[in-house]
N, C-alpha and C. Protein backbone atom coordinates (compact mmCIF):
# COMPACT_ATOMS: atom_id res chain seq x y z
N VAL A 1 8.27 31.56 26.01
CA VAL A 1 9.10 32.70 26.73
C VAL A 1 10.34 32.58 25.72
N ASP A 2 10.95 34.06 25.14
CA ASP A 2 11.88 34.11 24.37
C ASP A 2 13.06 34.05 25.40
N VAL A 3 14.35 33.33 25.07
CA VAL A 3 15.61 33.33 25.61
C VAL A 3 16.60 34.00 24.79
N ASP A 4 17.49 34.81 25.65
CA ASP A 4 18.50 35.39 24.88
C ASP A 4 19.62 35.25 25.37
N LEU A 5 21.11 34.68 25.23
CA LEU A 5 22.21 34.14 25.83
C LEU A 5 23.41 34.81 25.30
N ARG A 6 23.92 35.67 26.02
CA ARG A 6 25.10 36.25 26.41
C ARG A 6 26.25 35.90 26.75
N LEU A 7 27.16 36.22 26.01
CA LEU A 7 28.73 35.59 26.51
C LEU A 7 29.75 36.64 26.61
N TYR A 8 30.20 36.52 27.97
CA TYR A 8 31.10 37.93 28.01
C TYR A 8 32.61 37.11 29.07
N HIS A 9 33.91 38.05 28.54
CA HIS A 9 34.82 37.68 28.97
C HIS A 9 35.17 38.09 30.31
N GLY A 10 34.62 37.56 31.24
CA GLY A 10 35.00 38.57 32.94
C GLY A 10 34.40 37.48 33.99
N THR A 11 33.67 37.60 34.55
CA THR A 11 32.98 37.07 35.87
C THR A 11 31.61 37.77 36.18
N ILE A 12 31.10 36.94 36.94
CA ILE A 12 29.65 37.39 37.39
C ILE A 12 29.73 38.98 38.15
N THR A 13 30.89 39.50 38.66
CA THR A 13 30.43 40.80 39.35
C THR A 13 31.18 41.38 38.46
N GLN A 14 32.09 40.82 37.33
CA GLN A 14 32.72 41.79 36.57
C GLN A 14 32.61 41.27 34.97
N PRO A 15 31.68 41.61 34.70
CA PRO A 15 31.63 40.84 33.20
C PRO A 15 32.58 40.99 32.23
N GLY A 16 32.94 42.55 32.10
CA GLY A 16 34.06 42.29 31.07
C GLY A 16 33.71 42.87 29.69
N GLU A 17 34.60 42.28 28.73
CA GLU A 17 34.29 42.34 27.28
C GLU A 17 33.23 41.35 26.99
N PHE A 18 32.37 41.86 25.83
CA PHE A 18 31.22 41.44 25.50
C PHE A 18 31.80 40.40 24.07
N VAL A 19 31.44 39.00 24.47
CA VAL A 19 32.32 38.08 23.36
C VAL A 19 31.01 37.63 22.13
N ASP A 20 29.63 37.43 22.45
CA ASP A 20 28.71 36.83 21.56
C ASP A 20 27.78 36.80 22.38
N SER A 21 26.46 36.69 21.32
CA SER A 21 25.29 36.39 21.70
C SER A 21 24.76 35.61 20.61
N SER A 22 23.67 34.30 21.42
CA SER A 22 22.93 33.37 20.66
C SER A 22 22.39 33.90 19.42
N SER A 23 22.25 33.65 18.39
CA SER A 23 21.44 33.61 17.26
C SER A 23 20.31 32.38 17.47
N ALA A 24 19.08 33.19 17.00
CA ALA A 24 17.93 31.94 16.90
C ALA A 24 18.04 30.95 15.83
N THR A 25 17.52 29.83 15.96
CA THR A 25 17.48 28.65 14.65
C THR A 25 16.18 28.90 14.31
N ALA A 26 16.11 27.96 13.10
CA ALA A 26 14.34 27.65 12.60
C ALA A 26 13.67 26.97 13.47
N ASP A 27 14.23 26.05 14.32
CA ASP A 27 13.39 25.26 15.40
C ASP A 27 13.30 25.97 16.71
N GLN A 28 13.47 27.25 16.62
CA GLN A 28 12.77 28.04 17.78
C GLN A 28 13.95 27.45 19.17
N GLU A 29 15.83 27.64 18.86
CA GLU A 29 16.07 27.36 19.58
C GLU A 29 16.98 28.47 19.54
N GLU A 30 17.99 28.53 20.52
CA GLU A 30 18.86 30.00 20.73
C GLU A 30 20.09 29.03 20.95
N SER A 31 21.28 29.57 19.51
CA SER A 31 22.77 28.61 19.25
C SER A 31 23.90 29.75 19.68
N MET A 32 24.93 29.27 20.39
CA MET A 32 26.27 29.85 20.37
C MET A 32 27.10 28.86 19.85
N VAL A 33 28.41 29.32 19.07
CA VAL A 33 30.00 28.36 18.93
C VAL A 33 30.62 29.28 19.03
N GLN A 34 31.62 29.26 20.10
CA GLN A 34 33.04 30.12 19.81
C GLN A 34 34.11 29.37 20.27
N LEU A 35 35.39 29.77 19.58
CA LEU A 35 36.39 29.14 20.02
C LEU A 35 36.97 30.50 21.13
N LEU A 36 37.53 29.92 21.96
CA LEU A 36 37.79 30.30 23.70
C LEU A 36 39.29 30.65 23.80
N SER A 37 39.92 32.01 23.89
CA SER A 37 40.94 32.05 24.29
C SER A 37 40.99 31.93 26.11
N PRO A 38 42.10 31.47 26.82
CA PRO A 38 42.19 31.02 28.24
C PRO A 38 41.55 32.20 29.21
N GLY A 39 41.00 32.14 30.15
CA GLY A 39 40.19 33.08 30.66
C GLY A 39 39.06 32.50 31.18
N ASP A 40 38.40 33.57 32.06
CA ASP A 40 36.73 33.64 32.71
C ASP A 40 36.22 34.02 31.73
N TYR A 41 34.84 33.09 31.78
CA TYR A 41 33.96 33.64 31.11
C TYR A 41 32.50 33.69 31.74
N VAL A 42 31.12 34.25 31.69
CA VAL A 42 30.21 34.17 32.26
C VAL A 42 28.82 34.59 31.44
N PHE A 43 28.32 33.61 31.25
CA PHE A 43 26.79 33.73 30.54
C PHE A 43 25.45 34.32 31.49
N GLN A 44 25.37 35.16 30.63
CA GLN A 44 24.28 36.55 30.90
C GLN A 44 22.56 35.52 29.98
N VAL A 45 21.89 35.19 30.94
CA VAL A 45 20.50 34.80 30.31
C VAL A 45 19.48 35.60 30.50
N ILE A 46 18.94 36.45 29.15
CA ILE A 46 18.15 37.25 29.53
C ILE A 46 16.40 36.56 28.64
N PHE A 47 15.50 37.14 29.66
CA PHE A 47 14.32 36.51 29.60
C PHE A 47 13.19 37.13 28.73
N TYR A 48 12.46 36.98 27.74
CA TYR A 48 11.44 38.01 26.79
C TYR A 48 9.93 37.54 26.98
N ASP A 49 9.18 38.46 27.17
CA ASP A 49 7.51 37.55 27.26
C ASP A 49 7.65 37.51 25.46
N ILE A 50 6.81 36.69 25.09
CA ILE A 50 6.90 36.49 23.44
C ILE A 50 5.71 37.23 23.24
N LEU A 51 5.04 37.29 24.00
CA LEU A 51 3.54 38.15 23.99
C LEU A 51 3.64 39.40 24.14
N GLY A 52 4.27 40.28 24.85
CA GLY A 52 4.43 41.30 24.89
C GLY A 52 5.99 42.09 24.56
N GLY A 53 6.67 41.04 24.31
CA GLY A 53 8.04 41.90 24.07
C GLY A 53 9.09 42.31 24.81
N SER A 54 8.09 42.46 26.36
CA SER A 54 9.19 43.32 27.41
C SER A 54 9.74 42.34 28.19
N SER A 55 10.89 42.71 29.26
CA SER A 55 11.59 41.57 29.72
C SER A 55 10.74 40.96 31.23
N LEU A 56 11.19 39.89 30.93
CA LEU A 56 9.86 38.89 31.82
C LEU A 56 10.28 39.05 33.10
N ALA A 57 9.68 39.42 34.43
CA ALA A 57 9.69 39.31 35.06
C ALA A 57 10.41 38.13 36.18
N THR A 58 11.21 38.17 36.94
CA THR A 58 11.73 36.76 37.62
C THR A 58 10.78 36.24 38.30
N GLU A 59 9.94 37.00 38.90
CA GLU A 59 8.82 36.10 39.98
C GLU A 59 7.94 35.21 38.97
N ASN A 60 7.85 35.48 37.48
CA ASN A 60 7.55 34.66 36.79
C ASN A 60 7.98 33.24 36.57
N CYS A 61 9.02 33.07 37.07
CA CYS A 61 9.70 31.92 37.10
C CYS A 61 9.82 31.41 36.04
N PRO A 62 10.52 31.43 34.91
CA PRO A 62 10.95 30.83 33.48
C PRO A 62 11.57 29.97 33.41
N SER A 63 11.64 28.91 32.81
CA SER A 63 12.71 27.73 32.71
C SER A 63 12.91 27.52 31.39
N PHE A 64 13.92 26.75 30.86
CA PHE A 64 13.94 26.14 29.66
C PHE A 64 15.22 25.46 29.93
N PRO A 65 15.21 24.33 28.60
CA PRO A 65 15.95 23.34 28.69
C PRO A 65 17.62 23.92 28.11
N LEU A 66 19.02 24.02 28.73
CA LEU A 66 20.36 24.16 28.38
C LEU A 66 20.79 23.19 28.16
N GLU A 67 21.68 22.60 27.00
CA GLU A 67 23.08 22.36 26.99
C GLU A 67 24.03 22.64 26.55
N VAL A 68 25.53 22.90 27.35
CA VAL A 68 26.76 23.56 27.36
C VAL A 68 27.57 22.22 27.16
N ALA A 69 28.44 22.67 26.00
CA ALA A 69 29.71 21.60 26.23
C ALA A 69 30.72 22.58 26.17
N ILE A 70 32.04 22.52 26.57
CA ILE A 70 33.33 23.19 26.91
C ILE A 70 34.26 22.07 27.12
N ALA A 71 35.38 22.38 26.02
CA ALA A 71 36.60 21.21 26.15
C ALA A 71 37.73 22.02 25.60
N PRO A 72 38.67 21.40 25.77
CA PRO A 72 40.17 21.92 25.34
C PRO A 72 40.04 21.72 23.67
N THR A 73 40.75 22.79 22.94
CA THR A 73 40.67 22.53 21.64
C THR A 73 41.36 21.43 21.11
N PRO A 74 42.52 20.33 21.49
CA PRO A 74 42.84 19.50 21.25
C PRO A 74 41.77 18.26 21.20
N TYR A 75 40.61 18.43 21.87
CA TYR A 75 39.64 17.33 22.12
C TYR A 75 39.16 17.32 20.71
N VAL A 76 39.06 18.32 19.72
CA VAL A 76 38.66 18.30 18.39
C VAL A 76 39.37 17.98 17.48
N VAL A 77 40.55 18.77 17.33
CA VAL A 77 42.14 18.79 16.22
C VAL A 77 42.30 17.25 16.76
N GLY A 78 42.44 16.62 18.12
CA GLY A 78 43.22 15.26 18.09
C GLY A 78 42.24 14.12 18.02
N ASN A 79 40.98 14.49 17.68
CA ASN A 79 39.96 13.07 17.13
C ASN A 79 39.64 13.11 16.12
N PRO A 80 40.19 11.99 15.50
CA PRO A 80 40.51 11.43 14.09
C PRO A 80 38.96 11.53 13.52
N ASP A 81 38.03 10.97 13.73
CA ASP A 81 36.82 10.84 13.82
C ASP A 81 35.91 12.21 13.71
N VAL A 82 36.63 13.54 14.07
CA VAL A 82 35.93 15.06 13.35
C VAL A 82 36.98 15.56 12.60
N SER A 83 38.26 15.02 12.67
CA SER A 83 39.22 16.33 12.61
C SER A 83 39.71 15.66 11.01
N GLN A 84 39.14 14.65 10.88
CA GLN A 84 39.73 14.32 9.41
C GLN A 84 38.34 14.24 8.22
N GLU A 85 38.83 14.12 7.32
CA GLU A 85 37.75 14.20 6.19
C GLU A 85 37.02 12.98 5.83
N CYS A 86 35.94 12.95 5.78
CA CYS A 86 35.06 11.35 5.44
C CYS A 86 34.35 11.39 4.48
N GLU A 87 33.90 10.16 3.93
CA GLU A 87 32.85 10.25 2.82
C GLU A 87 31.31 10.29 3.38
N ASP A 88 30.20 11.01 2.61
CA ASP A 88 29.20 10.74 3.32
C ASP A 88 28.49 9.32 3.07
N ALA A 89 27.56 9.02 3.96
CA ALA A 89 27.23 7.97 4.13
C ALA A 89 25.98 7.87 3.44
N SER A 90 25.66 6.72 2.90
CA SER A 90 24.45 6.25 1.98
C SER A 90 22.95 7.16 2.90
N LEU A 91 22.24 7.83 1.83
CA LEU A 91 20.89 8.75 2.67
C LEU A 91 19.86 8.04 2.07
N VAL A 92 20.18 6.41 2.12
CA VAL A 92 18.53 5.79 1.96
C VAL A 92 18.39 5.35 3.46
N LEU A 93 17.06 5.76 3.24
CA LEU A 93 16.29 5.45 4.36
C LEU A 93 15.67 3.85 4.54
N VAL A 94 15.73 3.00 5.09
CA VAL A 94 15.09 1.70 5.18
C VAL A 94 13.48 1.61 5.76
N THR A 95 12.37 1.30 5.19
CA THR A 95 10.85 1.24 5.96
C THR A 95 10.64 -0.15 6.38
N ASN A 96 10.08 -0.01 7.32
CA ASN A 96 9.19 -1.50 8.18
C ASN A 96 10.40 -1.98 8.58
N MET A 97 11.17 -1.79 8.93
CA MET A 97 12.27 -2.34 9.58
C MET A 97 12.99 -1.45 10.44
N ARG A 98 13.28 -1.89 12.42
CA ARG A 98 14.20 -0.99 13.20
C ARG A 98 15.30 -1.29 12.87
N MET A 99 16.25 0.19 12.46
CA MET A 99 17.28 0.15 11.87
C MET A 99 17.84 0.82 13.18
N SER A 100 18.97 0.12 13.14
CA SER A 100 20.18 0.97 14.32
C SER A 100 21.59 1.28 13.55
N LEU A 101 22.20 2.19 13.25
CA LEU A 101 23.27 2.02 12.78
C LEU A 101 24.26 3.63 13.01
N SER A 102 25.41 3.13 12.87
CA SER A 102 26.21 5.03 12.72
C SER A 102 26.72 5.32 11.49
N MET A 103 27.17 6.70 11.36
CA MET A 103 27.11 7.10 9.86
C MET A 103 27.97 8.33 10.41
N LYS A 104 28.60 8.86 9.23
CA LYS A 104 29.41 9.70 8.64
C LYS A 104 29.44 10.75 7.53
N PHE A 105 29.16 12.02 7.74
CA PHE A 105 29.17 12.78 6.87
C PHE A 105 29.93 14.20 7.14
N SER A 106 30.41 14.46 5.62
CA SER A 106 31.31 15.34 5.34
C SER A 106 30.64 17.16 5.82
N ARG A 107 31.45 17.70 6.60
CA ARG A 107 31.05 18.64 6.63
C ARG A 107 32.10 20.24 6.06
N PRO A 108 31.20 20.75 5.51
CA PRO A 108 31.71 22.27 4.97
C PRO A 108 32.25 23.60 6.09
N SER A 109 33.23 23.62 5.45
CA SER A 109 33.73 24.59 6.40
C SER A 109 33.23 25.69 6.65
N THR A 110 32.36 26.18 5.49
CA THR A 110 32.19 27.65 5.29
C THR A 110 30.33 28.12 5.28
N GLU A 111 29.91 26.87 5.69
CA GLU A 111 28.20 27.06 5.58
C GLU A 111 27.88 25.83 6.71
N SER A 112 26.74 25.89 6.57
CA SER A 112 25.79 25.27 7.77
C SER A 112 25.95 23.64 7.11
N PHE A 113 25.81 22.73 7.80
CA PHE A 113 25.72 21.26 7.97
C PHE A 113 24.38 20.74 7.28
N ILE A 114 24.18 20.17 6.46
CA ILE A 114 22.78 19.89 6.28
C ILE A 114 22.88 18.26 5.71
N LYS A 115 22.01 17.35 5.77
CA LYS A 115 22.01 16.33 5.00
C LYS A 115 20.58 15.59 4.63
N THR A 116 19.89 15.37 3.23
CA THR A 116 18.75 15.05 3.44
C THR A 116 18.80 14.14 2.60
N PHE A 117 17.69 13.31 3.23
CA PHE A 117 17.48 11.61 2.67
C PHE A 117 16.76 11.41 2.05
N GLU A 118 16.52 10.30 1.21
CA GLU A 118 15.41 10.16 0.00
C GLU A 118 13.91 10.45 0.69
N SER A 119 13.10 10.61 -0.02
CA SER A 119 11.75 11.01 0.58
C SER A 119 11.19 9.47 0.52
N PHE A 120 10.01 9.52 1.06
CA PHE A 120 9.25 8.45 1.52
C PHE A 120 7.77 8.67 1.43
N GLU A 121 6.83 8.14 0.64
CA GLU A 121 5.71 8.41 0.27
C GLU A 121 4.76 6.95 1.31
N VAL A 122 3.76 7.65 2.05
CA VAL A 122 3.02 6.73 2.86
C VAL A 122 1.45 7.17 2.08
N GLU A 123 0.41 5.80 2.08
CA GLU A 123 -0.58 5.89 1.17
C GLU A 123 -1.86 5.97 2.10
N GLU A 124 -1.18 5.33 3.57
CA GLU A 124 -2.17 5.17 4.85
C GLU A 124 -1.73 5.80 5.64
N LYS A 125 -2.23 6.10 7.02
CA LYS A 125 -1.47 6.26 8.14
C LYS A 125 -0.10 5.35 9.01
N SER A 126 0.32 6.36 8.76
CA SER A 126 1.65 5.45 9.12
C SER A 126 2.26 5.94 10.25
N TYR A 127 3.28 5.56 10.93
CA TYR A 127 4.22 5.81 11.88
C TYR A 127 5.59 5.97 11.96
N LEU A 128 6.52 6.75 12.46
CA LEU A 128 7.66 7.25 12.08
C LEU A 128 8.41 7.55 13.78
N ASP A 129 9.28 6.80 14.23
CA ASP A 129 9.76 7.13 15.54
C ASP A 129 11.81 6.93 14.64
N PHE A 130 12.02 7.99 15.26
CA PHE A 130 13.39 8.43 14.70
C PHE A 130 14.38 9.56 15.83
N GLU A 131 15.43 8.47 16.23
CA GLU A 131 16.75 9.21 16.99
C GLU A 131 17.60 9.28 16.28
N VAL A 132 18.45 10.53 16.55
CA VAL A 132 19.97 10.64 16.09
C VAL A 132 20.46 10.89 17.22
N GLY A 133 21.47 10.20 17.77
CA GLY A 133 22.61 10.26 18.55
C GLY A 133 23.88 11.51 17.77
N PHE A 134 24.70 11.75 19.09
CA PHE A 134 25.57 12.88 18.81
C PHE A 134 26.62 13.22 20.01
N ASP A 135 27.84 13.65 19.57
CA ASP A 135 28.34 14.43 20.26
C ASP A 135 28.50 15.80 20.71
N PHE A 136 27.66 16.21 21.07
CA PHE A 136 26.98 18.18 21.48
C PHE A 136 28.19 18.74 20.82
N LEU A 137 29.30 18.57 21.30
CA LEU A 137 30.18 19.86 21.34
C LEU A 137 30.84 20.02 19.51
N THR A 138 30.97 18.60 19.21
CA THR A 138 31.39 18.47 17.48
C THR A 138 30.26 18.21 16.11
N ALA A 139 28.96 17.38 17.10
CA ALA A 139 28.53 17.58 15.86
C ALA A 139 26.89 17.63 16.23
N ASP A 140 26.68 18.61 17.16
CA ASP A 140 25.07 18.98 17.28
C ASP A 140 24.60 18.64 16.58
N THR A 141 23.11 18.05 16.36
CA THR A 141 22.58 17.79 14.96
C THR A 141 20.78 17.79 15.30
N GLN A 142 19.88 18.44 14.52
CA GLN A 142 18.50 18.26 14.18
C GLN A 142 18.08 17.68 13.49
N VAL A 143 16.93 16.97 13.83
CA VAL A 143 16.27 16.14 12.85
C VAL A 143 14.97 16.90 12.30
N ILE A 144 14.95 17.14 11.15
CA ILE A 144 13.52 17.96 10.33
C ILE A 144 12.87 16.85 9.67
N LEU A 145 11.35 16.48 9.86
CA LEU A 145 10.76 15.85 8.75
C LEU A 145 9.57 16.83 8.45
N THR A 146 9.72 16.96 6.66
CA THR A 146 8.96 17.91 6.04
C THR A 146 8.16 17.07 5.19
N GLY A 147 6.56 17.29 4.85
CA GLY A 147 6.08 16.52 4.48
C GLY A 147 4.77 17.45 3.43
N GLU A 148 4.57 16.70 2.05
CA GLU A 148 3.09 16.93 1.49
C GLU A 148 2.17 16.35 1.36
N LEU A 149 0.95 16.46 2.27
CA LEU A 149 0.23 15.84 2.57
C LEU A 149 -0.96 15.58 1.36
N SER A 150 -1.53 14.35 1.08
CA SER A 150 -2.42 13.98 0.08
C SER A 150 -3.36 15.36 -0.12
N SER A 151 -3.83 15.64 0.88
CA SER A 151 -4.82 16.81 0.96
C SER A 151 -3.97 18.32 0.29
N GLY A 152 -3.37 18.17 0.15
CA GLY A 152 -2.31 19.33 0.02
C GLY A 152 -1.36 20.44 0.85
N SER A 153 -1.97 20.38 2.02
CA SER A 153 -1.35 20.84 2.97
C SER A 153 0.29 20.65 3.59
N GLN A 154 1.54 21.33 3.75
CA GLN A 154 2.50 21.48 3.73
C GLN A 154 2.60 21.10 5.52
N VAL A 155 3.52 20.20 6.04
CA VAL A 155 3.71 20.45 7.48
C VAL A 155 5.40 19.97 7.49
N SER A 156 5.67 20.26 8.65
CA SER A 156 7.07 20.56 8.89
C SER A 156 7.04 20.27 10.67
N PHE A 157 7.90 19.21 11.34
CA PHE A 157 8.16 18.75 12.15
C PHE A 157 9.76 18.65 13.05
N TYR A 158 9.98 19.38 14.16
CA TYR A 158 11.11 19.15 14.54
C TYR A 158 11.49 18.19 15.80
N GLY A 159 12.65 17.96 15.81
CA GLY A 159 13.42 16.60 17.13
C GLY A 159 13.29 17.36 18.54
N THR A 160 13.02 16.76 19.55
CA THR A 160 12.92 17.01 20.90
C THR A 160 14.35 16.97 21.31
N PRO A 161 14.90 17.93 21.78
CA PRO A 161 16.32 17.64 22.18
C PRO A 161 16.36 17.32 23.76
N VAL A 162 17.21 16.19 23.81
CA VAL A 162 17.64 15.70 24.92
C VAL A 162 18.88 15.51 25.11
N ASN A 163 19.77 15.44 26.14
CA ASN A 163 21.50 15.19 25.89
C ASN A 163 22.08 14.52 24.95
N ASN A 164 22.66 14.99 24.10
CA ASN A 164 23.18 14.08 22.67
C ASN A 164 22.36 13.51 21.95
N HIS A 165 21.25 14.21 22.04
CA HIS A 165 20.18 13.00 20.96
C HIS A 165 19.15 14.25 20.80
N ARG A 166 18.30 13.64 19.51
CA ARG A 166 16.97 14.33 19.15
C ARG A 166 16.25 13.27 18.80
N PHE A 167 14.97 13.64 19.30
CA PHE A 167 13.71 12.32 19.09
C PHE A 167 12.60 13.23 18.27
N LEU A 168 12.11 12.42 17.32
CA LEU A 168 11.07 12.55 16.65
C LEU A 168 9.69 11.30 16.70
N THR A 169 8.71 11.52 16.95
CA THR A 169 7.86 10.07 17.14
C THR A 169 6.67 10.97 16.69
N LYS A 170 5.94 10.53 15.45
CA LYS A 170 5.04 11.14 14.61
C LYS A 170 4.18 9.77 14.03
N VAL A 171 2.63 10.48 14.17
CA VAL A 171 1.82 9.11 13.28
C VAL A 171 1.48 10.19 12.33
N LEU A 172 2.23 9.82 10.79
CA LEU A 172 1.98 10.42 9.67
C LEU A 172 0.55 10.07 8.85
N SER A 173 -0.02 11.11 8.55
CA SER A 173 -0.92 11.17 7.32
C SER A 173 -0.74 10.80 6.07
N PRO A 174 -1.57 10.51 5.22
CA PRO A 174 -0.98 10.05 3.83
C PRO A 174 -0.16 11.06 3.09
N GLY A 175 0.64 10.80 2.41
CA GLY A 175 1.47 12.10 2.26
C GLY A 175 3.13 11.68 1.78
N ASN A 176 3.72 12.50 1.22
CA ASN A 176 4.79 12.30 0.67
C ASN A 176 5.68 13.24 1.78
N TYR A 177 7.09 12.51 2.29
CA TYR A 177 7.61 12.90 3.13
C TYR A 177 9.40 12.75 3.09
N THR A 178 10.06 13.82 3.88
CA THR A 178 11.14 14.11 3.68
C THR A 178 12.22 14.25 5.28
N ILE A 179 13.25 13.45 5.47
CA ILE A 179 13.75 13.74 6.52
C ILE A 179 15.42 14.10 6.75
N SER A 180 15.45 15.52 7.26
CA SER A 180 16.82 16.19 6.79
C SER A 180 17.54 16.05 8.21
N ILE A 181 18.62 16.03 8.36
CA ILE A 181 19.70 16.45 9.89
C ILE A 181 20.71 17.27 9.37
N HIS A 182 20.39 18.39 10.31
CA HIS A 182 21.54 19.43 9.95
C HIS A 182 22.21 19.90 11.42
N ASP A 183 22.96 20.97 11.44
CA ASP A 183 23.55 21.53 12.66
C ASP A 183 22.61 22.71 13.15
N PRO A 184 21.69 22.45 13.93
CA PRO A 184 21.08 24.16 14.26
C PRO A 184 21.70 25.20 14.81
N GLY A 185 22.98 25.06 15.16
CA GLY A 185 24.26 26.04 15.29
C GLY A 185 24.74 26.75 14.51
N ALA A 186 24.88 26.21 13.13
CA ALA A 186 25.72 26.80 12.07
C ALA A 186 27.13 26.62 12.31
N LEU A 187 27.73 25.48 12.78
CA LEU A 187 28.78 25.69 13.06
C LEU A 187 29.88 25.38 12.03
N THR A 188 31.05 26.56 11.92
CA THR A 188 31.38 26.67 10.98
C THR A 188 33.34 26.83 11.27
N ILE A 189 33.36 25.97 12.18
CA ILE A 189 35.03 25.86 12.51
C ILE A 189 35.85 24.91 12.12
N ASP A 190 36.71 25.23 11.04
CA ASP A 190 37.78 24.60 10.29
C ASP A 190 37.89 23.22 10.64
N GLU A 191 38.55 22.99 11.99
CA GLU A 191 38.70 22.01 12.38
C GLU A 191 38.03 20.69 12.39
N ILE A 192 36.91 21.12 12.29
CA ILE A 192 35.63 19.93 12.14
C ILE A 192 35.40 19.98 10.67
N LYS A 193 36.04 18.40 10.31
CA LYS A 193 35.47 18.26 8.94
C LYS A 193 34.37 16.95 8.55
N CYS A 194 34.29 16.59 9.74
CA CYS A 194 33.57 15.28 9.66
C CYS A 194 32.45 15.31 10.84
N VAL A 195 31.25 14.69 10.54
CA VAL A 195 30.05 15.00 11.35
C VAL A 195 29.71 13.20 11.73
N SER A 196 29.81 12.80 13.16
CA SER A 196 29.37 11.35 13.47
C SER A 196 28.39 11.40 13.89
N VAL A 197 27.30 10.16 13.63
CA VAL A 197 26.01 10.71 14.07
C VAL A 197 25.49 9.10 14.36
N HIS A 198 24.91 8.83 15.37
CA HIS A 198 24.18 7.41 15.20
C HIS A 198 22.59 7.40 15.42
N LEU A 199 22.06 6.54 13.91
CA LEU A 199 20.76 6.50 13.87
C LEU A 199 19.82 5.25 14.40
N ASN A 200 19.17 5.51 15.14
CA ASN A 200 17.77 4.49 15.74
C ASN A 200 16.62 4.51 15.17
N TYR A 201 16.05 4.50 14.25
CA TYR A 201 14.78 4.65 13.62
C TYR A 201 13.62 3.48 13.25
N LEU A 202 12.49 3.58 13.11
CA LEU A 202 11.73 2.81 12.45
C LEU A 202 10.76 3.66 12.02
N ILE A 203 10.54 3.51 10.36
CA ILE A 203 9.64 4.38 9.34
C ILE A 203 8.39 2.95 9.30
N ASP A 204 7.45 2.78 9.98
CA ASP A 204 6.33 1.83 9.29
C ASP A 204 5.46 2.53 8.54
N VAL A 205 5.53 2.16 7.15
CA VAL A 205 5.11 2.79 6.03
C VAL A 205 3.66 2.15 6.06
N ASN A 206 2.50 2.45 6.01
CA ASN A 206 1.02 1.94 5.90
C ASN A 206 0.37 1.26 6.79
N THR A 207 1.14 0.98 8.06
CA THR A 207 0.85 0.33 9.13
C THR A 207 1.28 1.26 10.33
N ILE A 208 0.64 1.11 11.89
CA ILE A 208 1.02 1.35 13.24
C ILE A 208 1.03 0.15 13.81
N PRO A 209 2.47 0.07 14.24
CA PRO A 209 3.06 -0.72 15.74
C PRO A 209 1.90 -0.98 16.35
N THR A 210 1.57 -2.34 16.75
CA THR A 210 0.74 -3.20 17.89
C THR A 210 1.42 -1.85 19.06
N GLY A 211 0.23 -1.56 20.13
CA GLY A 211 0.88 -1.13 21.41
C GLY A 211 0.99 0.81 21.33
N VAL A 212 0.96 1.03 19.90
CA VAL A 212 1.06 2.48 19.32
C VAL A 212 -0.43 3.28 20.29
N VAL A 213 0.08 4.26 20.95
CA VAL A 213 -1.45 4.98 21.15
C VAL A 213 -1.33 6.34 19.79
N LEU A 214 -2.63 6.44 19.13
CA LEU A 214 -2.61 7.09 18.31
C LEU A 214 -3.08 8.49 18.77
N CYS A 215 -2.20 9.36 19.56
CA CYS A 215 -3.02 10.77 20.57
C CYS A 215 -3.56 11.85 19.85
N GLU A 216 -2.99 11.70 18.42
CA GLU A 216 -3.31 12.21 17.54
C GLU A 216 -4.51 12.64 16.66
N GLU A 217 -5.42 11.53 17.09
CA GLU A 217 -6.52 11.46 16.20
C GLU A 217 -7.61 12.17 17.62
């Protein structure tokens, strides 16, 4: 199912002026970011059948996860954690040890936010459990794992969204891997100068933790 979102300045019975439509991200999501003036607003959701391209019938009961955050502008400009410039945290990941830490990264005002950690290599089947937590309104963050396998194949995986979190758990084949975090919505609001996230991760290089079921075998 392909889902498009449209925002109107009005009500359900009188949608009024069209404001914006969602844009597709690289990880098959739809995203929309807007600074709103006071008033009434309504979302229109449009479903498409990705096989046929025509509008999907209501009786097919399409469903999808949706996360929406709406707050007064002072919530952003009055929050020093995001409204003041900050220096980038270290982009080095620790392996073979469960890590839990908060990090801050500077956000450019004219382009998408993306930070790439140092790559790591695994020589035997290994295990990755990576979680990034964030404030959805000011720091919606996706995690991407890309890799070049020893066989020469290229792979990429995206985190699964859950409220204010992204989760990525994979059994890794031998190869070289890189983890990046980025804003899938390409947020470019000038008032947001700093991204605050919390990482909770385990990268077990060349080993599989006891109790992990290798579903991919």
